[in-house]
PDB file of N, CA and C in Angstrom:
ATOM      1  N   MET A   1      25.018 -89.594  72.619  1.00  0.00           N
ATOM      2  CA  MET A   1      24.202 -90.250  71.629  1.00  0.00           C
ATOM      3  C   MET A   1      24.878 -91.556  71.242  1.00  0.00           C
ATOM      4  N   SER A   2      24.074 -92.584  71.038  1.00  0.00           N
ATOM      5  CA  SER A   2      24.635 -93.874  70.642  1.00  0.00           C
ATOM      6  C   SER A   2      24.991 -93.843  69.150  1.00  0.00           C
ATOM      7  N   PHE A   3      25.798 -94.818  68.742  1.00  0.00           N
ATOM      8  CA  PHE A   3      26.203 -94.890  67.346  1.00  0.00           C
ATOM      9  C   PHE A   3      24.979 -95.056  66.438  1.00  0.00           C
ATOM     10  N   LEU A   4      24.040 -95.906  66.837  1.00  0.00           N
ATOM     11  CA  LEU A   4      22.848 -96.134  66.031  1.00  0.00           C
ATOM     12  C   LEU A   4      22.029 -94.851  65.890  1.00  0.00           C
ATOM     13  N   GLU A   5      21.929 -94.080  66.968  1.00  0.00           N
ATOM     14  CA  GLU A   5      21.214 -92.802  66.895  1.00  0.00           C
ATOM     15  C   GLU A   5      21.916 -91.850  65.922  1.00  0.00           C
ATOM     16  N   LEU A   6      23.238 -91.830  65.957  1.00  0.00           N
ATOM     17  CA  LEU A   6      24.007 -90.993  65.040  1.00  0.00           C
ATOM     18  C   LEU A   6      23.767 -91.416  63.592  1.00  0.00           C
ATOM     19  N   VAL A   7      23.804 -92.721  63.321  1.00  0.00           N
ATOM     20  CA  VAL A   7      23.585 -93.231  61.964  1.00  0.00           C
ATOM     21  C   VAL A   7      22.189 -92.850  61.465  1.00  0.00           C
ATOM     22  N   LYS A   8      21.200 -92.920  62.329  1.00  0.00           N
ATOM     23  CA  LYS A   8      19.833 -92.580  61.937  1.00  0.00           C
ATOM     24  C   LYS A   8      19.672 -91.101  61.612  1.00  0.00           C
ATOM     25  N   LYS A   9      20.548 -90.253  62.130  1.00  0.00           N
ATOM     26  CA  LYS A   9      20.445 -88.816  61.909  1.00  0.00           C
ATOM     27  C   LYS A   9      21.210 -88.329  60.675  1.00  0.00           C
ATOM     28  N   ARG A  10      22.021 -89.171  60.071  1.00  0.00           N
ATOM     29  CA  ARG A  10      22.808 -88.719  58.922  1.00  0.00           C
ATOM     30  C   ARG A  10      21.926 -88.546  57.694  1.00  0.00           C
ATOM     31  N   TYR A  11      22.377 -87.684  56.814  1.00  0.00           N
ATOM     32  CA  TYR A  11      21.648 -87.409  55.581  1.00  0.00           C
ATOM     33  C   TYR A  11      22.606 -86.786  54.575  1.00  0.00           C
ATOM     34  N   SER A  12      22.190 -86.762  53.324  1.00  0.00           N
ATOM     35  CA  SER A  12      23.001 -86.156  52.272  1.00  0.00           C
ATOM     36  C   SER A  12      22.639 -84.687  52.145  1.00  0.00           C
ATOM     37  N   VAL A  13      23.622 -83.830  52.211  1.00  0.00           N
ATOM     38  CA  VAL A  13      23.406 -82.390  52.101  1.00  0.00           C
ATOM     39  C   VAL A  13      23.327 -82.024  50.624  1.00  0.00           C
ATOM     40  N   ARG A  14      22.320 -81.248  50.274  1.00  0.00           N
ATOM     41  CA  ARG A  14      22.143 -80.807  48.887  1.00  0.00           C
ATOM     42  C   ARG A  14      22.044 -79.285  48.783  1.00  0.00           C
ATOM     43  N   ASN A  15      21.959 -78.603  49.912  1.00  0.00           N
ATOM     44  CA  ASN A  15      21.889 -77.141  49.940  1.00  0.00           C
ATOM     45  C   ASN A  15      23.042 -76.615  50.780  1.00  0.00           C
ATOM     46  N   TYR A  16      23.661 -75.531  50.314  1.00  0.00           N
ATOM     47  CA  TYR A  16      24.851 -75.015  50.974  1.00  0.00           C
ATOM     48  C   TYR A  16      24.728 -73.520  51.216  1.00  0.00           C
ATOM     49  N   LYS A  17      25.395 -73.039  52.242  1.00  0.00           N
ATOM     50  CA  LYS A  17      25.494 -71.609  52.489  1.00  0.00           C
ATOM     51  C   LYS A  17      26.458 -71.010  51.480  1.00  0.00           C
ATOM     52  N   ASP A  18      26.322 -69.708  51.236  1.00  0.00           N
ATOM     53  CA  ASP A  18      27.236 -69.007  50.333  1.00  0.00           C
ATOM     54  C   ASP A  18      28.572 -68.676  50.989  1.00  0.00           C
ATOM     55  N   SER A  19      28.634 -68.782  52.295  1.00  0.00           N
ATOM     56  CA  SER A  19      29.840 -68.358  53.009  1.00  0.00           C
ATOM     57  C   SER A  19      30.958 -69.400  52.906  1.00  0.00           C
ATOM     58  N   PRO A  20      32.208 -68.939  52.926  1.00  0.00           N
ATOM     59  CA  PRO A  20      33.337 -69.883  52.878  1.00  0.00           C
ATOM     60  C   PRO A  20      33.371 -70.759  54.134  1.00  0.00           C
ATOM     61  N   VAL A  21      33.943 -71.930  53.997  1.00  0.00           N
ATOM     62  CA  VAL A  21      34.088 -72.836  55.131  1.00  0.00           C
ATOM     63  C   VAL A  21      35.387 -72.481  55.848  1.00  0.00           C
ATOM     64  N   PRO A  22      35.332 -72.254  57.157  1.00  0.00           N
ATOM     65  CA  PRO A  22      36.560 -71.906  57.887  1.00  0.00           C
ATOM     66  C   PRO A  22      37.626 -72.996  57.760  1.00  0.00           C
ATOM     67  N   LYS A  23      38.875 -72.578  57.623  1.00  0.00           N
ATOM     68  CA  LYS A  23      39.998 -73.526  57.477  1.00  0.00           C
ATOM     69  C   LYS A  23      40.055 -74.506  58.639  1.00  0.00           C
ATOM     70  N   GLU A  24      39.742 -74.043  59.851  1.00  0.00           N
ATOM     71  CA  GLU A  24      39.785 -74.918  61.017  1.00  0.00           C
ATOM     72  C   GLU A  24      38.801 -76.078  60.863  1.00  0.00           C
ATOM     73  N   MET A  25      37.621 -75.791  60.294  1.00  0.00           N
ATOM     74  CA  MET A  25      36.622 -76.842  60.107  1.00  0.00           C
ATOM     75  C   MET A  25      37.080 -77.816  59.020  1.00  0.00           C
ATOM     76  N   LEU A  26      37.648 -77.296  57.946  1.00  0.00           N
ATOM     77  CA  LEU A  26      38.185 -78.168  56.896  1.00  0.00           C
ATOM     78  C   LEU A  26      39.275 -79.073  57.458  1.00  0.00           C
ATOM     79  N   ASN A  27      40.178 -78.491  58.238  1.00  0.00           N
ATOM     80  CA  ASN A  27      41.260 -79.280  58.833  1.00  0.00           C
ATOM     81  C   ASN A  27      40.717 -80.353  59.765  1.00  0.00           C
ATOM     82  N   ARG A  28      39.677 -80.023  60.512  1.00  0.00           N
ATOM     83  CA  ARG A  28      39.069 -80.985  61.430  1.00  0.00           C
ATOM     84  C   ARG A  28      38.463 -82.159  60.656  1.00  0.00           C
ATOM     85  N   CYS A  29      37.785 -81.861  59.554  1.00  0.00           N
ATOM     86  CA  CYS A  29      37.191 -82.917  58.727  1.00  0.00           C
ATOM     87  C   CYS A  29      38.266 -83.808  58.118  1.00  0.00           C
ATOM     88  N   ILE A  30      39.303 -83.199  57.584  1.00  0.00           N
ATOM     89  CA  ILE A  30      40.369 -83.967  56.944  1.00  0.00           C
ATOM     90  C   ILE A  30      41.114 -84.815  57.980  1.00  0.00           C
ATOM     91  N   GLU A  31      41.341 -84.261  59.152  1.00  0.00           N
ATOM     92  CA  GLU A  31      42.026 -85.035  60.195  1.00  0.00           C
ATOM     93  C   GLU A  31      41.196 -86.246  60.599  1.00  0.00           C
ATOM     94  N   ALA A  32      39.891 -86.064  60.746  1.00  0.00           N
ATOM     95  CA  ALA A  32      39.030 -87.194  61.100  1.00  0.00           C
ATOM     96  C   ALA A  32      39.037 -88.242  59.991  1.00  0.00           C
ATOM     97  N   ALA A  33      38.963 -87.800  58.744  1.00  0.00           N
ATOM     98  CA  ALA A  33      38.978 -88.741  57.617  1.00  0.00           C
ATOM     99  C   ALA A  33      40.320 -89.451  57.518  1.00  0.00           C
ATOM    100  N   ARG A  34      41.385 -88.740  57.805  1.00  0.00           N
ATOM    101  CA  ARG A  34      42.727 -89.322  57.744  1.00  0.00           C
ATOM    102  C   ARG A  34      42.872 -90.479  58.738  1.00  0.00           C
ATOM    103  N   LEU A  35      42.141 -90.404  59.830  1.00  0.00           N
ATOM    104  CA  LEU A  35      42.217 -91.424  60.871  1.00  0.00           C
ATOM    105  C   LEU A  35      41.320 -92.632  60.600  1.00  0.00           C
ATOM    106  N   ALA A  36      40.632 -92.650  59.472  1.00  0.00           N
ATOM    107  CA  ALA A  36      39.764 -93.780  59.135  1.00  0.00           C
ATOM    108  C   ALA A  36      40.600 -95.050  58.993  1.00  0.00           C
ATOM    109  N   PRO A  37      40.021 -96.185  59.339  1.00  0.00           N
ATOM    110  CA  PRO A  37      40.754 -97.440  59.194  1.00  0.00           C
ATOM    111  C   PRO A  37      40.972 -97.785  57.721  1.00  0.00           C
ATOM    112  N   SER A  38      42.043 -98.524  57.456  1.00  0.00           N
ATOM    113  CA  SER A  38      42.328 -99.003  56.096  1.00  0.00           C
ATOM    114  C   SER A  38      43.085-100.324  56.195  1.00  0.00           C
ATOM    115  N   ALA A  39      43.012-101.110  55.132  1.00  0.00           N
ATOM    116  CA  ALA A  39      43.690-102.412  55.107  1.00  0.00           C
ATOM    117  C   ALA A  39      45.177-102.218  55.330  1.00  0.00           C
ATOM    118  N   CYS A  40      45.709-102.905  56.318  1.00  0.00           N
ATOM    119  CA  CYS A  40      47.137-102.831  56.673  1.00  0.00           C
ATOM    120  C   CYS A  40      47.589-101.400  56.941  1.00  0.00           C
ATOM    121  N   ASN A  41      46.659-100.554  57.347  1.00  0.00           N
ATOM    122  CA  ASN A  41      46.919 -99.130  57.595  1.00  0.00           C
ATOM    123  C   ASN A  41      47.611 -98.478  56.396  1.00  0.00           C
ATOM    124  N   SER A  42      47.223 -98.900  55.193  1.00  0.00           N
ATOM    125  CA  SER A  42      47.893 -98.385  53.995  1.00  0.00           C
ATOM    126  C   SER A  42      47.469 -96.965  53.647  1.00  0.00           C
ATOM    127  N   GLN A  43      46.300 -96.536  54.104  1.00  0.00           N
ATOM    128  CA  GLN A  43      45.783 -95.192  53.832  1.00  0.00           C
ATOM    129  C   GLN A  43      46.054 -94.790  52.373  1.00  0.00           C
ATOM    130  N   PRO A  44      45.420 -95.489  51.425  1.00  0.00           N
ATOM    131  CA  PRO A  44      45.710 -95.253  50.009  1.00  0.00           C
ATOM    132  C   PRO A  44      44.961 -94.059  49.430  1.00  0.00           C
ATOM    133  N   TRP A  45      45.093 -92.891  50.072  1.00  0.00           N
ATOM    134  CA  TRP A  45      44.369 -91.714  49.624  1.00  0.00           C
ATOM    135  C   TRP A  45      45.154 -90.441  49.879  1.00  0.00           C
ATOM    136  N   LYS A  46      44.824 -89.442  49.110  1.00  0.00           N
ATOM    137  CA  LYS A  46      45.280 -88.066  49.331  1.00  0.00           C
ATOM    138  C   LYS A  46      44.049 -87.191  49.162  1.00  0.00           C
ATOM    139  N   TYR A  47      43.970 -86.113  49.909  1.00  0.00           N
ATOM    140  CA  TYR A  47      42.850 -85.186  49.825  1.00  0.00           C
ATOM    141  C   TYR A  47      43.326 -83.899  49.173  1.00  0.00           C
ATOM    142  N   VAL A  48      42.527 -83.384  48.254  1.00  0.00           N
ATOM    143  CA  VAL A  48      42.800 -82.094  47.633  1.00  0.00           C
ATOM    144  C   VAL A  48      41.597 -81.209  47.941  1.00  0.00           C
ATOM    145  N   ILE A  49      41.837 -80.139  48.691  1.00  0.00           N
ATOM    146  CA  ILE A  49      40.779 -79.203  49.062  1.00  0.00           C
ATOM    147  C   ILE A  49      40.679 -78.154  47.961  1.00  0.00           C
ATOM    148  N   ILE A  50      39.507 -78.001  47.404  1.00  0.00           N
ATOM    149  CA  ILE A  50      39.296 -77.022  46.334  1.00  0.00           C
ATOM    150  C   ILE A  50      38.297 -75.997  46.851  1.00  0.00           C
ATOM    151  N   ASP A  51      38.833 -74.859  47.312  1.00  0.00           N
ATOM    152  CA  ASP A  51      37.949 -73.815  47.822  1.00  0.00           C
ATOM    153  C   ASP A  51      38.064 -72.502  47.046  1.00  0.00           C
ATOM    154  N   ASP A  52      39.006 -72.414  46.128  1.00  0.00           N
ATOM    155  CA  ASP A  52      39.080 -71.252  45.250  1.00  0.00           C
ATOM    156  C   ASP A  52      37.864 -71.295  44.325  1.00  0.00           C
ATOM    157  N   PRO A  53      37.036 -70.236  44.303  1.00  0.00           N
ATOM    158  CA  PRO A  53      35.783 -70.293  43.534  1.00  0.00           C
ATOM    159  C   PRO A  53      35.964 -70.628  42.049  1.00  0.00           C
ATOM    160  N   ASP A  54      36.950 -70.054  41.394  1.00  0.00           N
ATOM    161  CA  ASP A  54      37.147 -70.326  39.962  1.00  0.00           C
ATOM    162  C   ASP A  54      37.567 -71.776  39.727  1.00  0.00           C
ATOM    163  N   LEU A  55      38.515 -72.254  40.519  1.00  0.00           N
ATOM    164  CA  LEU A  55      38.978 -73.628  40.374  1.00  0.00           C
ATOM    165  C   LEU A  55      37.873 -74.615  40.747  1.00  0.00           C
ATOM    166  N   ARG A  56      37.119 -74.292  41.786  1.00  0.00           N
ATOM    167  CA  ARG A  56      36.008 -75.147  42.211  1.00  0.00           C
ATOM    168  C   ARG A  56      34.979 -75.271  41.088  1.00  0.00           C
ATOM    169  N   ASP A  57      34.664 -74.149  40.425  1.00  0.00           N
ATOM    170  CA  ASP A  57      33.695 -74.184  39.331  1.00  0.00           C
ATOM    171  C   ASP A  57      34.212 -75.014  38.156  1.00  0.00           C
ATOM    172  N   LYS A  58      35.491 -74.870  37.852  1.00  0.00           N
ATOM    173  CA  LYS A  58      36.086 -75.662  36.766  1.00  0.00           C
ATOM    174  C   LYS A  58      36.049 -77.156  37.098  1.00  0.00           C
ATOM    175  N   MET A  59      36.367 -77.482  38.336  1.00  0.00           N
ATOM    176  CA  MET A  59      36.367 -78.886  38.754  1.00  0.00           C
ATOM    177  C   MET A  59      34.949 -79.455  38.719  1.00  0.00           C
ATOM    178  N   ALA A  60      33.984 -78.708  39.235  1.00  0.00           N
ATOM    179  CA  ALA A  60      32.594 -79.169  39.230  1.00  0.00           C
ATOM    180  C   ALA A  60      32.118 -79.379  37.796  1.00  0.00           C
ATOM    181  N   LYS A  61      32.474 -78.462  36.912  1.00  0.00           N
ATOM    182  CA  LYS A  61      32.073 -78.585  35.516  1.00  0.00           C
ATOM    183  C   LYS A  61      32.701 -79.830  34.878  1.00  0.00           C
ATOM    184  N   ALA A  62      33.978 -80.043  35.129  1.00  0.00           N
ATOM    185  CA  ALA A  62      34.672 -81.203  34.559  1.00  0.00           C
ATOM    186  C   ALA A  62      34.110 -82.514  35.098  1.00  0.00           C
ATOM    187  N   ALA A  63      33.734 -82.526  36.364  1.00  0.00           N
ATOM    188  CA  ALA A  63      33.289 -83.767  37.003  1.00  0.00           C
ATOM    189  C   ALA A  63      31.803 -84.046  36.837  1.00  0.00           C
ATOM    190  N   PHE A  64      30.983 -83.010  36.749  1.00  0.00           N
ATOM    191  CA  PHE A  64      29.545 -83.224  36.866  1.00  0.00           C
ATOM    192  C   PHE A  64      28.718 -82.735  35.684  1.00  0.00           C
ATOM    193  N   GLU A  65      29.340 -82.302  34.596  1.00  0.00           N
ATOM    194  CA  GLU A  65      28.571 -81.923  33.417  1.00  0.00           C
ATOM    195  C   GLU A  65      28.779 -82.941  32.312  1.00  0.00           C
ATOM    196  N   GLY A  66      27.922 -82.893  31.342  1.00  0.00           N
ATOM    197  CA  GLY A  66      28.008 -83.824  30.221  1.00  0.00           C
ATOM    198  C   GLY A  66      26.639 -84.379  29.921  1.00  0.00           C
ATOM    199  N   ILE A  67      26.616 -85.572  29.365  1.00  0.00           N
ATOM    200  CA  ILE A  67      25.344 -86.192  29.000  1.00  0.00           C
ATOM    201  C   ILE A  67      24.491 -86.441  30.240  1.00  0.00           C
ATOM    202  N   LEU A  68      25.101 -86.994  31.261  1.00  0.00           N
ATOM    203  CA  LEU A  68      24.389 -87.247  32.519  1.00  0.00           C
ATOM    204  C   LEU A  68      24.830 -86.211  33.542  1.00  0.00           C
ATOM    205  N   LYS A  69      23.939 -85.316  33.893  1.00  0.00           N
ATOM    206  CA  LYS A  69      24.302 -84.213  34.797  1.00  0.00           C
ATOM    207  C   LYS A  69      23.895 -84.536  36.232  1.00  0.00           C
ATOM    208  N   PHE A  70      24.534 -85.553  36.795  1.00  0.00           N
ATOM    209  CA  PHE A  70      24.275 -85.907  38.182  1.00  0.00           C
ATOM    210  C   PHE A  70      24.984 -84.915  39.103  1.00  0.00           C
ATOM    211  N   ASN A  71      24.546 -84.867  40.327  1.00  0.00           N
ATOM    212  CA  ASN A  71      25.196 -84.085  41.380  1.00  0.00           C
ATOM    213  C   ASN A  71      25.368 -82.622  41.005  1.00  0.00           C
ATOM    214  N   HIS A  72      24.366 -82.054  40.368  1.00  0.00           N
ATOM    215  CA  HIS A  72      24.436 -80.651  39.969  1.00  0.00           C
ATOM    216  C   HIS A  72      24.575 -79.735  41.192  1.00  0.00           C
ATOM    217  N   PHE A  73      24.134 -80.213  42.347  1.00  0.00           N
ATOM    218  CA  PHE A  73      24.246 -79.418  43.569  1.00  0.00           C
ATOM    219  C   PHE A  73      25.704 -79.111  43.919  1.00  0.00           C
ATOM    220  N   ALA A  74      26.652 -79.864  43.382  1.00  0.00           N
ATOM    221  CA  ALA A  74      28.073 -79.630  43.670  1.00  0.00           C
ATOM    222  C   ALA A  74      28.518 -78.254  43.213  1.00  0.00           C
ATOM    223  N   PHE A  75      27.825 -77.672  42.230  1.00  0.00           N
ATOM    224  CA  PHE A  75      28.171 -76.337  41.754  1.00  0.00           C
ATOM    225  C   PHE A  75      27.914 -75.277  42.814  1.00  0.00           C
ATOM    226  N   LYS A  76      27.081 -75.585  43.787  1.00  0.00           N
ATOM    227  CA  LYS A  76      26.746 -74.619  44.838  1.00  0.00           C
ATOM    228  C   LYS A  76      27.545 -74.822  46.115  1.00  0.00           C
ATOM    229  N   ALA A  77      28.303 -75.900  46.186  1.00  0.00           N
ATOM    230  CA  ALA A  77      29.092 -76.182  47.390  1.00  0.00           C
ATOM    231  C   ALA A  77      30.247 -75.187  47.494  1.00  0.00           C
ATOM    232  N   PRO A  78      30.522 -74.661  48.680  1.00  0.00           N
ATOM    233  CA  PRO A  78      31.635 -73.708  48.826  1.00  0.00           C
ATOM    234  C   PRO A  78      33.003 -74.370  48.739  1.00  0.00           C
ATOM    235  N   VAL A  79      33.053 -75.692  48.953  1.00  0.00           N
ATOM    236  CA  VAL A  79      34.316 -76.434  48.931  1.00  0.00           C
ATOM    237  C   VAL A  79      34.050 -77.791  48.287  1.00  0.00           C
ATOM    238  N   LEU A  80      34.982 -78.237  47.466  1.00  0.00           N
ATOM    239  CA  LEU A  80      34.962 -79.610  46.975  1.00  0.00           C
ATOM    240  C   LEU A  80      36.202 -80.294  47.530  1.00  0.00           C
ATOM    241  N   VAL A  81      36.075 -81.545  47.897  1.00  0.00           N
ATOM    242  CA  VAL A  81      37.213 -82.324  48.361  1.00  0.00           C
ATOM    243  C   VAL A  81      37.424 -83.441  47.351  1.00  0.00           C
ATOM    244  N   LEU A  82      38.551 -83.386  46.694  1.00  0.00           N
ATOM    245  CA  LEU A  82      38.925 -84.404  45.726  1.00  0.00           C
ATOM    246  C   LEU A  82      39.729 -85.463  46.460  1.00  0.00           C
ATOM    247  N   ILE A  83      39.340 -86.709  46.317  1.00  0.00           N
ATOM    248  CA  ILE A  83      40.064 -87.792  46.974  1.00  0.00           C
ATOM    249  C   ILE A  83      40.759 -88.597  45.884  1.00  0.00           C
ATOM    250  N   VAL A  84      42.064 -88.655  45.981  1.00  0.00           N
ATOM    251  CA  VAL A  84      42.899 -89.307  44.981  1.00  0.00           C
ATOM    252  C   VAL A  84      43.360 -90.644  45.531  1.00  0.00           C
ATOM    253  N   SER A  85      43.174 -91.681  44.741  1.00  0.00           N
ATOM    254  CA  SER A  85      43.608 -93.021  45.140  1.00  0.00           C
ATOM    255  C   SER A  85      45.118 -93.141  44.975  1.00  0.00           C
ATOM    256  N   GLU A  86      45.767 -93.600  46.014  1.00  0.00           N
ATOM    257  CA  GLU A  86      47.215 -93.815  46.013  1.00  0.00           C
ATOM    258  C   GLU A  86      47.485 -95.314  45.999  1.00  0.00           C
ATOM    259  N   ARG A  87      48.689 -95.676  45.713  1.00  0.00           N
ATOM    260  CA  ARG A  87      49.079 -97.087  45.718  1.00  0.00           C
ATOM    261  C   ARG A  87      49.049 -97.623  47.156  1.00  0.00           C
ATOM    262  N   GLN A  88      48.513 -98.839  47.297  1.00  0.00           N
ATOM    263  CA  GLN A  88      48.470 -99.490  48.605  1.00  0.00           C
ATOM    264  C   GLN A  88      49.854 -99.991  49.005  1.00  0.00           C
ATOM    265  N   LYS A  89      49.997-100.221  50.304  1.00  0.00           N
ATOM    266  CA  LYS A  89      51.203-100.896  50.780  1.00  0.00           C
ATOM    267  C   LYS A  89      51.227-102.296  50.176  1.00  0.00           C
ATOM    268  N   LEU A  90      52.405-102.859  50.059  1.00  0.00           N
ATOM    269  CA  LEU A  90      52.567-104.185  49.459  1.00  0.00           C
ATOM    270  C   LEU A  90      51.711-105.229  50.169  1.00  0.00           C
ATOM    271  N   SER A  91      51.646-105.181  51.498  1.00  0.00           N
ATOM    272  CA  SER A  91      50.859-106.174  52.238  1.00  0.00           C
ATOM    273  C   SER A  91      49.372-106.062  51.901  1.00  0.00           C
ATOM    274  N   ALA A  92      48.868-104.847  51.728  1.00  0.00           N
ATOM    275  CA  ALA A  92      47.467-104.665  51.363  1.00  0.00           C
ATOM    276  C   ALA A  92      47.221-105.103  49.923  1.00  0.00           C
ATOM    277  N   GLN A  93      48.179-104.855  49.040  1.00  0.00           N
ATOM    278  CA  GLN A  93      48.053-105.317  47.653  1.00  0.00           C
ATOM    279  C   GLN A  93      47.965-106.847  47.624  1.00  0.00           C
ATOM    280  N   PHE A  94      48.837-107.497  48.391  1.00  0.00           N
ATOM    281  CA  PHE A  94      48.840-108.955  48.454  1.00  0.00           C
ATOM    282  C   PHE A  94      47.498-109.462  48.972  1.00  0.00           C
ATOM    283  N   GLY A  95      47.004-108.827  50.038  1.00  0.00           N
ATOM    284  CA  GLY A  95      45.712-109.224  50.604  1.00  0.00           C
ATOM    285  C   GLY A  95      44.577-109.057  49.600  1.00  0.00           C
ATOM    286  N   SER A  96      44.638-107.996  48.798  1.00  0.00           N
ATOM    287  CA  SER A  96      43.619-107.777  47.775  1.00  0.00           C
ATOM    288  C   SER A  96      43.626-108.894  46.742  1.00  0.00           C
ATOM    289  N   ILE A  97      44.822-109.332  46.363  1.00  0.00           N
ATOM    290  CA  ILE A  97      44.945-110.413  45.382  1.00  0.00           C
ATOM    291  C   ILE A  97      44.428-111.722  45.974  1.00  0.00           C
ATOM    292  N   VAL A  98      44.871-112.051  47.181  1.00  0.00           N
ATOM    293  CA  VAL A  98      44.488-113.307  47.824  1.00  0.00           C
ATOM    294  C   VAL A  98      42.975-113.362  48.063  1.00  0.00           C
ATOM    295  N   LYS A  99      42.411-112.267  48.537  1.00  0.00           N
ATOM    296  CA  LYS A  99      40.989-112.242  48.871  1.00  0.00           C
ATOM    297  C   LYS A  99      40.101-111.923  47.656  1.00  0.00           C
ATOM    298  N   GLY A 100      40.716-111.462  46.561  1.00  0.00           N
ATOM    299  CA  GLY A 100      39.929-111.101  45.381  1.00  0.00           C
ATOM    300  C   GLY A 100      39.061-109.881  45.613  1.00  0.00           C
ATOM    301  N   LYS A 101      39.534-108.965  46.435  1.00  0.00           N
ATOM    302  CA  LYS A 101      38.787-107.747  46.775  1.00  0.00           C
ATOM    303  C   LYS A 101      39.695-106.539  46.585  1.00  0.00           C
ATOM    304  N   ASN A 102      39.114-105.435  46.156  1.00  0.00           N
ATOM    305  CA  ASN A 102      39.885-104.208  46.009  1.00  0.00           C
ATOM    306  C   ASN A 102      39.787-103.419  47.318  1.00  0.00           C
ATOM    307  N   PHE A 103      40.704-103.685  48.226  1.00  0.00           N
ATOM    308  CA  PHE A 103      40.667-103.030  49.536  1.00  0.00           C
ATOM    309  C   PHE A 103      40.862-101.522  49.420  1.00  0.00           C
ATOM    310  N   SER A 104      41.599-101.082  48.414  1.00  0.00           N
ATOM    311  CA  SER A 104      41.830 -99.653  48.230  1.00  0.00           C
ATOM    312  C   SER A 104      40.517 -98.913  48.034  1.00  0.00           C
ATOM    313  N   GLN A 105      39.639 -99.443  47.195  1.00  0.00           N
ATOM    314  CA  GLN A 105      38.343 -98.798  46.975  1.00  0.00           C
ATOM    315  C   GLN A 105      37.488 -98.825  48.235  1.00  0.00           C
ATOM    316  N   MET A 106      37.526 -99.936  48.964  1.00  0.00           N
ATOM    317  CA  MET A 106      36.779-100.019  50.220  1.00  0.00           C
ATOM    318  C   MET A 106      37.311 -99.004  51.233  1.00  0.00           C
ATOM    319  N   ASP A 107      38.645 -98.894  51.322  1.00  0.00           N
ATOM    320  CA  ASP A 107      39.261 -97.960  52.256  1.00  0.00           C
ATOM    321  C   ASP A 107      38.872 -96.517  51.936  1.00  0.00           C
ATOM    322  N   ILE A 108      38.858 -96.181  50.660  1.00  0.00           N
ATOM    323  CA  ILE A 108      38.477 -94.827  50.265  1.00  0.00           C
ATOM    324  C   ILE A 108      37.008 -94.584  50.592  1.00  0.00           C
ATOM    325  N   GLY A 109      36.165 -95.589  50.402  1.00  0.00           N
ATOM    326  CA  GLY A 109      34.769 -95.459  50.790  1.00  0.00           C
ATOM    327  C   GLY A 109      34.618 -95.196  52.280  1.00  0.00           C
ATOM    328  N   ILE A 110      35.430 -95.854  53.084  1.00  0.00           N
ATOM    329  CA  ILE A 110      35.382 -95.650  54.533  1.00  0.00           C
ATOM    330  C   ILE A 110      35.823 -94.231  54.891  1.00  0.00           C
ATOM    331  N   THR A 111      36.912 -93.762  54.300  1.00  0.00           N
ATOM    332  CA  THR A 111      37.387 -92.420  54.657  1.00  0.00           C
ATOM    333  C   THR A 111      36.411 -91.347  54.203  1.00  0.00           C
ATOM    334  N   VAL A 112      35.746 -91.557  53.070  1.00  0.00           N
ATOM    335  CA  VAL A 112      34.748 -90.594  52.599  1.00  0.00           C
ATOM    336  C   VAL A 112      33.572 -90.556  53.563  1.00  0.00           C
ATOM    337  N   GLU A 113      33.156 -91.714  54.038  1.00  0.00           N
ATOM    338  CA  GLU A 113      32.047 -91.766  54.988  1.00  0.00           C
ATOM    339  C   GLU A 113      32.403 -91.030  56.275  1.00  0.00           C
ATOM    340  N   TRP A 114      33.628 -91.201  56.747  1.00  0.00           N
ATOM    341  CA  TRP A 114      34.049 -90.523  57.973  1.00  0.00           C
ATOM    342  C   TRP A 114      34.073 -89.025  57.764  1.00  0.00           C
ATOM    343  N   GLU A 115      34.637 -88.605  56.647  1.00  0.00           N
ATOM    344  CA  GLU A 115      34.764 -87.177  56.367  1.00  0.00           C
ATOM    345  C   GLU A 115      33.397 -86.523  56.255  1.00  0.00           C
ATOM    346  N   GLY A 116      32.461 -87.205  55.630  1.00  0.00           N
ATOM    347  CA  GLY A 116      31.153 -86.618  55.385  1.00  0.00           C
ATOM    348  C   GLY A 116      30.265 -86.524  56.591  1.00  0.00           C
ATOM    349  N   ASN A 117      30.644 -87.108  57.704  1.00  0.00           N
ATOM    350  CA  ASN A 117      29.766 -87.121  58.871  1.00  0.00           C
ATOM    351  C   ASN A 117      30.359 -86.402  60.078  1.00  0.00           C
ATOM    352  N   ILE A 118      31.294 -85.508  59.844  1.00  0.00           N
ATOM    353  CA  ILE A 118      31.864 -84.739  60.941  1.00  0.00           C
ATOM    354  C   ILE A 118      30.870 -83.675  61.362  1.00  0.00           C
ATOM    355  N   VAL A 119      30.639 -83.611  62.641  1.00  0.00           N
ATOM    356  CA  VAL A 119      29.698 -82.624  63.164  1.00  0.00           C
ATOM    357  C   VAL A 119      30.442 -81.327  63.427  1.00  0.00           C
ATOM    358  N   SER A 120      29.869 -80.206  63.012  1.00  0.00           N
ATOM    359  CA  SER A 120      30.507 -78.899  63.236  1.00  0.00           C
ATOM    360  C   SER A 120      30.675 -78.628  64.720  1.00  0.00           C
ATOM    361  N   PRO A 121      31.701 -77.835  65.060  1.00  0.00           N
ATOM    362  CA  PRO A 121      31.920 -77.523  66.474  1.00  0.00           C
ATOM    363  C   PRO A 121      30.825 -76.640  67.030  1.00  0.00           C
TER     364      PRO A 121
END
């Protein structure tokens, strides 16, 4: 399949199975996301896999409840992946200042896109 065909087939998942996600599949997704390009290869991210049901529910509640209850479907997901922004390498920080762009946020957006489009084996 061509890249354009793949892009046309992507979609946002809003319904999830009740079954746990196999560790091998989680590792495959994280490995693919880890390989995403970043400014100066700084990879300014860490991934936290939340698959414990109690902790996942607490995290979903903390992140998605309140006045605006967006992404309520996250409460039904068997796994949440928390992406934590890390400090960029000095060269990427310098480039962000010179270019007036936050490369760290762009890099995290790229890795999230890669992670979210891994096809199951």
